[in-house]
Structures are given as C-alpha cells and as structure tokens.
Amino acid sequence: MRSGEGFLLVFAVTDHSSFDEILKFHRQILRVKDRDEFPMLMVGNKADLDHQRSVSFIYYIYIYIYIYIYINKLTA
C-alpha cells in the first residue's frame, strides 16, 4: 500500500458488505499515504448479475458524492 501510485477499489454489486468496505479502504489508504487525497477509482463488479444486485446505483452515487465532498472539505 505504501508504494502504490493509485488504487482500484473493487466491490461486488451483489454483496453490499463488499461495498461498505470501500469507505474503510479509502480512509486507510489516505492514512497510510499521509495525504488528504490520492488517486483511487471505485469499480462495481458483477454488473451483469442485475437480478442479484444488492447495491443500487443510487446508493453508489451517494457514496461517491460523500467521498468527493469529504475530500474537498479536507483540501479547502
């Protein structure tokens, strides 16, 4: 984690707990890097299993906006 230049945070849209871990990983990466922001990309896997989806697209967008606002507060 210390030597990473960017991170891909992947969650399964069929497993809500994997999505909840994204925020924990996000905070941990920022803490280890000792930075307020760092390149990260959040990706939902298993999108083809829409009938098993447990993470809604709206919830995904909500968390994305939350992270964006959180980072902007830290850098303001």
Protein backbone atom coordinates (compact mmCIF):
# COMPACT_ATOMS: atom_id res chain seq x y z
CA MET A 1 0.00 0.00 0.00
CA ARG A 2 2.82 2.41 0.81
CA SER A 3 4.40 2.14 -2.63
CA GLY A 4 1.16 2.28 -4.63
CA GLU A 5 0.70 5.19 -7.03
CA GLY A 6 -3.05 4.71 -7.37
CA PHE A 7 -5.67 2.26 -6.21
CA LEU A 8 -8.56 0.39 -7.78
CA LEU A 9 -11.28 -0.22 -5.19
CA VAL A 10 -13.48 -3.04 -6.47
CA PHE A 11 -16.76 -4.18 -4.93
CA ALA A 12 -19.38 -6.72 -5.98
CA VAL A 13 -22.77 -5.20 -6.74
CA THR A 14 -24.26 -8.44 -5.42
CA ASP A 15 -22.57 -8.11 -2.00
CA HIS A 16 -23.41 -5.00 0.00
CA SER A 17 -20.74 -5.72 2.61
CA SER A 18 -18.03 -5.53 -0.07
CA PHE A 19 -19.28 -2.04 -0.92
CA ASP A 20 -19.22 -1.00 2.74
CA GLU A 21 -15.55 -1.96 2.88
CA ILE A 22 -14.76 0.63 0.18
CA LEU A 23 -15.04 3.51 2.66
CA LYS A 24 -12.77 1.71 5.11
CA PHE A 25 -10.15 1.08 2.43
CA HIS A 26 -10.44 4.70 1.27
CA ARG A 27 -9.71 6.04 4.76
CA GLN A 28 -6.93 3.52 5.34
CA ILE A 29 -5.17 4.43 2.09
CA LEU A 30 -5.30 8.14 2.94
CA ARG A 31 -3.96 7.43 6.42
CA VAL A 32 -1.08 5.22 5.21
CA LYS A 33 -0.18 7.70 2.47
CA ASP A 34 -0.47 10.58 4.97
CA ARG A 35 -2.41 12.57 2.38
CA ASP A 36 -5.79 14.27 2.15
CA GLU A 37 -6.39 12.94 -1.35
CA PHE A 38 -4.90 10.23 -3.54
CA PRO A 39 -5.79 8.67 -6.93
CA MET A 40 -8.43 5.98 -6.45
CA LEU A 41 -11.03 4.50 -8.75
CA MET A 42 -14.14 2.76 -7.44
CA VAL A 43 -15.48 -0.06 -9.65
CA GLY A 44 -18.59 -2.21 -9.31
CA ASN A 45 -18.02 -5.81 -10.41
CA LYS A 46 -20.68 -8.36 -11.43
CA ALA A 47 -22.90 -5.72 -13.03
CA ASP A 48 -24.28 -8.42 -15.33
CA LEU A 49 -26.00 -10.04 -12.32
CA ASP A 50 -28.61 -7.31 -12.08
CA HIS A 51 -31.23 -9.71 -10.66
CA GLN A 52 -28.91 -10.33 -7.67
CA ARG A 53 -27.92 -6.69 -7.18
CA SER A 54 -27.81 -5.54 -3.56
CA VAL A 55 -26.01 -2.22 -4.13
CA SER A 56 -28.25 0.17 -6.01
CA PHE A 57 -26.81 2.61 -8.48
CA ILE A 58 -28.31 5.48 -6.46
CA TYR A 59 -26.52 4.31 -3.30
CA TYR A 60 -23.27 4.03 -5.27
CA ILE A 61 -23.65 7.64 -6.48
CA TYR A 62 -24.50 8.81 -2.95
CA ILE A 63 -21.26 7.34 -1.56
CA TYR A 64 -19.24 8.75 -4.46
CA ILE A 65 -20.61 12.24 -3.71
CA TYR A 66 -19.94 11.75 0.02
CA ILE A 67 -16.29 10.88 -0.67
CA TYR A 68 -15.96 13.82 -3.08
CA ILE A 69 -17.35 16.29 -0.50
CA TYR A 70 -15.20 14.75 2.25
CA ILE A 71 -12.02 15.21 0.19
CA ASN A 72 -12.95 18.77 -0.76
CA LYS A 73 -13.51 19.67 2.91
CA LEU A 74 -10.04 18.36 3.76
CA THR A 75 -8.34 20.31 0.99
CA ALA A 76 -10.27 23.58 1.45
